[in-house]
Amino acid sequence: MIVRAQIAPGEDDQIGDEEKDGLADTYGVSATWDGDALFAALAYQRSYLEVDSPVPPPVTVAADLDLLRGTLGMALGDLELGAMVEQVRIDPDVSGADRADGTSYMVSAGWQLLPRVKLKAQAGRFDSSDLDYESDILAAGADYKLGKQTTLYGLVSGSDVDYTYANGTGDDDSGSLFSVGMEHKF
């Protein structure tokens, strides 16, 4: 098992009316276990960001961000399976504002079809009733190894996003993406 911890100073970031200049304005810890055919990880991160104030008047305010993520993966011969769950909490630093929680789920699969060809697929969902936001994504692609350090890849993905604005109106947004590229590791 490998345990890691990290801290990062705020570097005088101005977030809302707060100045982030402490030694550990962002910190995280993770634990990873990697067996022969099984992988598991658990991670926590605490940081900050700017958000639009959820209460009038409309201003940008500081918010604390907490992330908790669990990951599980397994290899069954030429088949790789994975799953991830992530809980996010945004806590605005403004009187009268409630914190918002959301949860992400993701599953993935990879199949080594030929020695140089790997097929991949992934599906994910983010849902937050506090933020009135839902997002679904599906992606599929393939990798082709040109050599030990170079891989060509292609993928296609589609997403569907539903959200509701503070005034009660909403929007349904969807999109698709096709991508090709090459990765070379030095």
C-alpha atoms as a PDB file:
ATOM      1  CA  MET A   1       0.000   0.000   0.000  1.00  0.00           C
ATOM      2  CA  ILE A   2       1.207   3.487  -0.846  1.00  0.00           C
ATOM      3  CA  VAL A   3       0.034   6.503   1.168  1.00  0.00           C
ATOM      4  CA  ARG A   4       0.662   9.996  -0.163  1.00  0.00           C
ATOM      5  CA  ALA A   5       0.000  13.429   1.294  1.00  0.00           C
ATOM      6  CA  GLN A   6       0.463  16.851  -0.225  1.00  0.00           C
ATOM      7  CA  ILE A   7       0.018  20.451   0.812  1.00  0.00           C
ATOM      8  CA  ALA A   8       0.042  23.554  -1.336  1.00  0.00           C
ATOM      9  CA  PRO A   9       0.229  27.197  -0.276  1.00  0.00           C
ATOM     10  CA  GLY A  10      -2.317  29.715  -1.513  1.00  0.00           C
ATOM     11  CA  GLU A  11       0.319  31.897  -3.241  1.00  0.00           C
ATOM     12  CA  ASP A  12      -1.582  35.092  -2.313  1.00  0.00           C
ATOM     13  CA  ASP A  13      -4.654  34.132  -4.378  1.00  0.00           C
ATOM     14  CA  GLN A  14      -7.539  36.543  -3.866  1.00  0.00           C
ATOM     15  CA  ILE A  15     -10.686  34.412  -3.562  1.00  0.00           C
ATOM     16  CA  GLY A  16     -13.790  36.528  -2.953  1.00  0.00           C
ATOM     17  CA  ASP A  17     -12.804  38.819  -0.088  1.00  0.00           C
ATOM     18  CA  GLU A  18     -10.306  36.270   1.311  1.00  0.00           C
ATOM     19  CA  GLU A  19      -6.591  36.191   0.622  1.00  0.00           C
ATOM     20  CA  LYS A  20      -5.261  32.649   0.466  1.00  0.00           C
ATOM     21  CA  ASP A  21      -1.645  32.857   1.605  1.00  0.00           C
ATOM     22  CA  GLY A  22      -1.339  30.092   4.200  1.00  0.00           C
ATOM     23  CA  LEU A  23       1.079  27.179   4.052  1.00  0.00           C
ATOM     24  CA  ALA A  24      -1.660  24.572   3.512  1.00  0.00           C
ATOM     25  CA  ASP A  25      -4.612  26.294   1.833  1.00  0.00           C
ATOM     26  CA  THR A  26      -4.922  23.148  -0.292  1.00  0.00           C
ATOM     27  CA  TYR A  27      -4.140  19.677   0.999  1.00  0.00           C
ATOM     28  CA  GLY A  28      -4.831  16.095   0.110  1.00  0.00           C
ATOM     29  CA  VAL A  29      -4.153  12.528   1.122  1.00  0.00           C
ATOM     30  CA  SER A  30      -4.500   9.267  -0.790  1.00  0.00           C
ATOM     31  CA  ALA A  31      -4.015   5.562  -0.225  1.00  0.00           C
ATOM     32  CA  THR A  32      -3.420   3.151  -3.104  1.00  0.00           C
ATOM     33  CA  TRP A  33      -3.251  -0.620  -3.161  1.00  0.00           C
ATOM     34  CA  ASP A  34      -2.083  -2.361  -6.329  1.00  0.00           C
ATOM     35  CA  GLY A  35      -2.237  -6.154  -6.417  1.00  0.00           C
ATOM     36  CA  ASP A  36      -1.662  -8.529  -9.312  1.00  0.00           C
ATOM     37  CA  ALA A  37      -5.166  -8.244 -10.761  1.00  0.00           C
ATOM     38  CA  LEU A  38      -6.822  -5.695  -8.438  1.00  0.00           C
ATOM     39  CA  PHE A  39      -6.296  -1.973  -7.860  1.00  0.00           C
ATOM     40  CA  ALA A  40      -8.001   0.163  -5.213  1.00  0.00           C
ATOM     41  CA  ALA A  41      -7.556   3.782  -4.166  1.00  0.00           C
ATOM     42  CA  LEU A  42      -9.141   6.245  -1.774  1.00  0.00           C
ATOM     43  CA  ALA A  43      -8.387   9.979  -1.882  1.00  0.00           C
ATOM     44  CA  TYR A  44      -9.473  13.159  -0.091  1.00  0.00           C
ATOM     45  CA  GLN A  45      -8.746  16.760  -1.107  1.00  0.00           C
ATOM     46  CA  ARG A  46      -9.573  20.064   0.573  1.00  0.00           C
ATOM     47  CA  SER A  47      -9.129  23.259  -1.432  1.00  0.00           C
ATOM     48  CA  TYR A  48     -10.934  26.445  -2.409  1.00  0.00           C
ATOM     49  CA  LEU A  49     -12.482  28.106  -5.430  1.00  0.00           C
ATOM     50  CA  GLU A  50     -14.582  31.094  -6.443  1.00  0.00           C
ATOM     51  CA  VAL A  51     -18.331  30.706  -6.999  1.00  0.00           C
ATOM     52  CA  ASP A  52     -21.186  33.069  -7.771  1.00  0.00           C
ATOM     53  CA  SER A  53     -22.986  33.940  -4.545  1.00  0.00           C
ATOM     54  CA  PRO A  54     -26.169  31.866  -4.190  1.00  0.00           C
ATOM     55  CA  VAL A  55     -27.841  34.722  -2.290  1.00  0.00           C
ATOM     56  CA  PRO A  56     -28.282  38.345  -3.456  1.00  0.00           C
ATOM     57  CA  PRO A  57     -26.473  40.545  -4.284  1.00  0.00           C
ATOM     58  CA  PRO A  58     -24.667  38.802  -7.179  1.00  0.00           C
ATOM     59  CA  VAL A  59     -20.968  38.745  -6.261  1.00  0.00           C
ATOM     60  CA  THR A  60     -18.129  36.238  -6.449  1.00  0.00           C
ATOM     61  CA  VAL A  61     -17.390  34.624  -3.099  1.00  0.00           C
ATOM     62  CA  ALA A  62     -14.866  32.184  -1.717  1.00  0.00           C
ATOM     63  CA  ALA A  63     -15.963  28.601  -1.208  1.00  0.00           C
ATOM     64  CA  ASP A  64     -14.354  25.599   0.429  1.00  0.00           C
ATOM     65  CA  LEU A  65     -14.192  22.521  -1.781  1.00  0.00           C
ATOM     66  CA  ASP A  66     -14.046  18.976  -0.394  1.00  0.00           C
ATOM     67  CA  LEU A  67     -13.574  15.931  -2.645  1.00  0.00           C
ATOM     68  CA  LEU A  68     -13.711  12.288  -1.579  1.00  0.00           C
ATOM     69  CA  ARG A  69     -12.968   9.695  -4.278  1.00  0.00           C
ATOM     70  CA  GLY A  70     -12.931   5.903  -4.294  1.00  0.00           C
ATOM     71  CA  THR A  71     -11.593   3.876  -7.223  1.00  0.00           C
ATOM     72  CA  LEU A  72     -11.556   0.159  -7.947  1.00  0.00           C
ATOM     73  CA  GLY A  73     -10.058  -1.626 -10.947  1.00  0.00           C
ATOM     74  CA  MET A  74      -9.367  -5.179 -12.000  1.00  0.00           C
ATOM     75  CA  ALA A  75      -7.608  -6.976 -14.822  1.00  0.00           C
ATOM     76  CA  LEU A  76      -9.052 -10.263 -16.061  1.00  0.00           C
ATOM     77  CA  GLY A  77      -6.646 -11.389 -18.747  1.00  0.00           C
ATOM     78  CA  ASP A  78      -7.076  -9.046 -21.727  1.00  0.00           C
ATOM     79  CA  LEU A  79     -10.076  -7.299 -20.093  1.00  0.00           C
ATOM     80  CA  GLU A  80      -9.682  -4.345 -17.692  1.00  0.00           C
ATOM     81  CA  LEU A  81     -12.641  -3.018 -15.668  1.00  0.00           C
ATOM     82  CA  GLY A  82     -12.806   0.060 -13.486  1.00  0.00           C
ATOM     83  CA  ALA A  83     -15.219   2.048 -11.358  1.00  0.00           C
ATOM     84  CA  MET A  84     -15.018   5.363  -9.535  1.00  0.00           C
ATOM     85  CA  VAL A  85     -17.305   7.222  -7.144  1.00  0.00           C
ATOM     86  CA  GLU A  86     -16.634  10.828  -6.135  1.00  0.00           C
ATOM     87  CA  GLN A  87     -18.448  12.994  -3.606  1.00  0.00           C
ATOM     88  CA  VAL A  88     -17.996  16.773  -3.915  1.00  0.00           C
ATOM     89  CA  ARG A  89     -19.061  19.404  -1.382  1.00  0.00           C
ATOM     90  CA  ILE A  90     -18.968  23.147  -2.091  1.00  0.00           C
ATOM     91  CA  ASP A  91     -19.430  25.386   0.957  1.00  0.00           C
ATOM     92  CA  PRO A  92     -19.714  29.107   0.036  1.00  0.00           C
ATOM     93  CA  ASP A  93     -18.267  31.574   2.539  1.00  0.00           C
ATOM     94  CA  VAL A  94     -21.310  33.853   2.643  1.00  0.00           C
ATOM     95  CA  SER A  95     -24.003  34.277   5.242  1.00  0.00           C
ATOM     96  CA  GLY A  96     -27.271  32.556   4.296  1.00  0.00           C
ATOM     97  CA  ALA A  97     -25.716  30.287   1.671  1.00  0.00           C
ATOM     98  CA  ASP A  98     -26.136  26.534   1.940  1.00  0.00           C
ATOM     99  CA  ARG A  99     -23.491  24.047   0.984  1.00  0.00           C
ATOM    100  CA  ALA A 100     -24.025  22.040  -2.193  1.00  0.00           C
ATOM    101  CA  ASP A 101     -23.276  18.336  -2.562  1.00  0.00           C
ATOM    102  CA  GLY A 102     -22.896  16.299  -5.734  1.00  0.00           C
ATOM    103  CA  THR A 103     -21.906  12.765  -6.674  1.00  0.00           C
ATOM    104  CA  SER A 104     -20.085  11.410  -9.730  1.00  0.00           C
ATOM    105  CA  TYR A 105     -20.100   7.805 -10.886  1.00  0.00           C
ATOM    106  CA  MET A 106     -17.931   6.352 -13.626  1.00  0.00           C
ATOM    107  CA  VAL A 107     -17.369   2.882 -15.069  1.00  0.00           C
ATOM    108  CA  SER A 108     -14.790   1.962 -17.677  1.00  0.00           C
ATOM    109  CA  ALA A 109     -13.587  -1.033 -19.649  1.00  0.00           C
ATOM    110  CA  GLY A 110     -10.605  -1.786 -21.840  1.00  0.00           C
ATOM    111  CA  TRP A 111     -10.014  -4.855 -23.989  1.00  0.00           C
ATOM    112  CA  GLN A 112      -6.655  -5.758 -25.527  1.00  0.00           C
ATOM    113  CA  LEU A 113      -8.061  -6.962 -28.856  1.00  0.00           C
ATOM    114  CA  LEU A 114      -4.685  -7.498 -30.582  1.00  0.00           C
ATOM    115  CA  PRO A 115      -1.118  -7.035 -29.320  1.00  0.00           C
ATOM    116  CA  ARG A 116      -1.124  -3.440 -30.653  1.00  0.00           C
ATOM    117  CA  VAL A 117      -4.869  -2.601 -30.476  1.00  0.00           C
ATOM    118  CA  LYS A 118      -6.840  -1.811 -27.335  1.00  0.00           C
ATOM    119  CA  LEU A 119     -10.549  -0.926 -27.341  1.00  0.00           C
ATOM    120  CA  LYS A 120     -11.878   1.333 -24.567  1.00  0.00           C
ATOM    121  CA  ALA A 121     -15.259   2.519 -23.301  1.00  0.00           C
ATOM    122  CA  GLN A 122     -16.380   4.735 -20.431  1.00  0.00           C
ATOM    123  CA  ALA A 123     -19.690   5.952 -19.005  1.00  0.00           C
ATOM    124  CA  GLY A 124     -20.124   8.588 -16.324  1.00  0.00           C
ATOM    125  CA  ARG A 125     -22.778  10.567 -14.485  1.00  0.00           C
ATOM    126  CA  PHE A 126     -22.690  13.625 -12.218  1.00  0.00           C
ATOM    127  CA  ASP A 127     -25.817  14.437 -10.227  1.00  0.00           C
ATOM    128  CA  SER A 128     -26.503  17.214  -7.745  1.00  0.00           C
ATOM    129  CA  SER A 129     -29.988  18.174  -6.638  1.00  0.00           C
ATOM    130  CA  ASP A 130     -28.394  20.991  -4.591  1.00  0.00           C
ATOM    131  CA  LEU A 131     -26.922  22.513  -7.768  1.00  0.00           C
ATOM    132  CA  ASP A 132     -29.879  21.457  -9.978  1.00  0.00           C
ATOM    133  CA  TYR A 133     -27.351  19.897 -12.350  1.00  0.00           C
ATOM    134  CA  GLU A 134     -27.139  16.513 -14.080  1.00  0.00           C
ATOM    135  CA  SER A 135     -24.563  15.390 -16.620  1.00  0.00           C
ATOM    136  CA  ASP A 136     -24.156  12.076 -18.470  1.00  0.00           C
ATOM    137  CA  ILE A 137     -21.276  11.114 -20.752  1.00  0.00           C
ATOM    138  CA  LEU A 138     -20.462   8.094 -22.904  1.00  0.00           C
ATOM    139  CA  ALA A 139     -17.134   7.606 -24.680  1.00  0.00           C
ATOM    140  CA  ALA A 140     -15.612   4.860 -26.815  1.00  0.00           C
ATOM    141  CA  GLY A 141     -12.265   4.657 -28.530  1.00  0.00           C
ATOM    142  CA  ALA A 142      -9.236   2.667 -29.525  1.00  0.00           C
ATOM    143  CA  ASP A 143      -5.470   2.850 -29.033  1.00  0.00           C
ATOM    144  CA  TYR A 144      -2.911   1.588 -31.550  1.00  0.00           C
ATOM    145  CA  LYS A 145       0.657   1.146 -30.283  1.00  0.00           C
ATOM    146  CA  LEU A 146       3.203   2.220 -32.852  1.00  0.00           C
ATOM    147  CA  GLY A 147       6.061   1.329 -30.538  1.00  0.00           C
ATOM    148  CA  LYS A 148       7.057   1.098 -26.896  1.00  0.00           C
ATOM    149  CA  GLN A 149       6.677   4.863 -26.333  1.00  0.00           C
ATOM    150  CA  THR A 150       4.234   5.985 -29.059  1.00  0.00           C
ATOM    151  CA  THR A 151       0.478   5.385 -29.290  1.00  0.00           C
ATOM    152  CA  LEU A 152      -2.128   6.620 -31.776  1.00  0.00           C
ATOM    153  CA  TYR A 153      -5.650   7.016 -30.416  1.00  0.00           C
ATOM    154  CA  GLY A 154      -9.138   7.897 -31.523  1.00  0.00           C
ATOM    155  CA  LEU A 155     -12.338   8.400 -29.578  1.00  0.00           C
ATOM    156  CA  VAL A 156     -15.913   9.502 -29.917  1.00  0.00           C
ATOM    157  CA  SER A 157     -18.026  10.762 -27.024  1.00  0.00           C
ATOM    158  CA  GLY A 158     -21.454  12.169 -26.354  1.00  0.00           C
ATOM    159  CA  SER A 159     -22.778  14.110 -23.395  1.00  0.00           C
ATOM    160  CA  ASP A 160     -26.135  15.288 -22.091  1.00  0.00           C
ATOM    161  CA  VAL A 161     -26.373  18.061 -19.490  1.00  0.00           C
ATOM    162  CA  ASP A 162     -29.510  19.272 -17.680  1.00  0.00           C
ATOM    163  CA  TYR A 163     -29.345  22.276 -15.374  1.00  0.00           C
ATOM    164  CA  THR A 164     -31.652  24.789 -13.774  1.00  0.00           C
ATOM    165  CA  TYR A 165     -30.761  28.449 -13.288  1.00  0.00           C
ATOM    166  CA  ALA A 166     -31.399  30.322 -10.028  1.00  0.00           C
ATOM    167  CA  ASN A 167     -34.461  32.035 -11.584  1.00  0.00           C
ATOM    168  CA  GLY A 168     -36.118  28.645 -12.207  1.00  0.00           C
ATOM    169  CA  THR A 169     -35.519  28.407 -15.949  1.00  0.00           C
ATOM    170  CA  GLY A 170     -33.454  25.558 -17.226  1.00  0.00           C
ATOM    171  CA  ASP A 171     -31.537  24.257 -20.167  1.00  0.00           C
ATOM    172  CA  ASP A 172     -30.827  20.891 -21.719  1.00  0.00           C
ATOM    173  CA  ASP A 173     -27.449  20.806 -23.434  1.00  0.00           C
ATOM    174  CA  SER A 174     -25.911  17.943 -25.348  1.00  0.00           C
ATOM    175  CA  GLY A 175     -22.829  17.552 -27.462  1.00  0.00           C
ATOM    176  CA  SER A 176     -20.506  15.147 -29.140  1.00  0.00           C
ATOM    177  CA  LEU A 177     -16.789  15.001 -29.760  1.00  0.00           C
ATOM    178  CA  PHE A 178     -14.536  13.115 -32.138  1.00  0.00           C
ATOM    179  CA  SER A 179     -10.820  13.171 -31.422  1.00  0.00           C
ATOM    180  CA  VAL A 180      -7.695  11.623 -32.875  1.00  0.00           C
ATOM    181  CA  GLY A 181      -4.180  12.076 -31.632  1.00  0.00           C
ATOM    182  CA  MET A 182      -0.785  10.662 -30.842  1.00  0.00           C
ATOM    183  CA  GLU A 183       0.943  10.266 -27.473  1.00  0.00           C
ATOM    184  CA  HIS A 184       4.707   9.923 -27.186  1.00  0.00           C
ATOM    185  CA  LYS A 185       6.348   9.283 -23.813  1.00  0.00           C
ATOM    186  CA  PHE A 186       9.893  10.580 -23.501  1.00  0.00           C
END
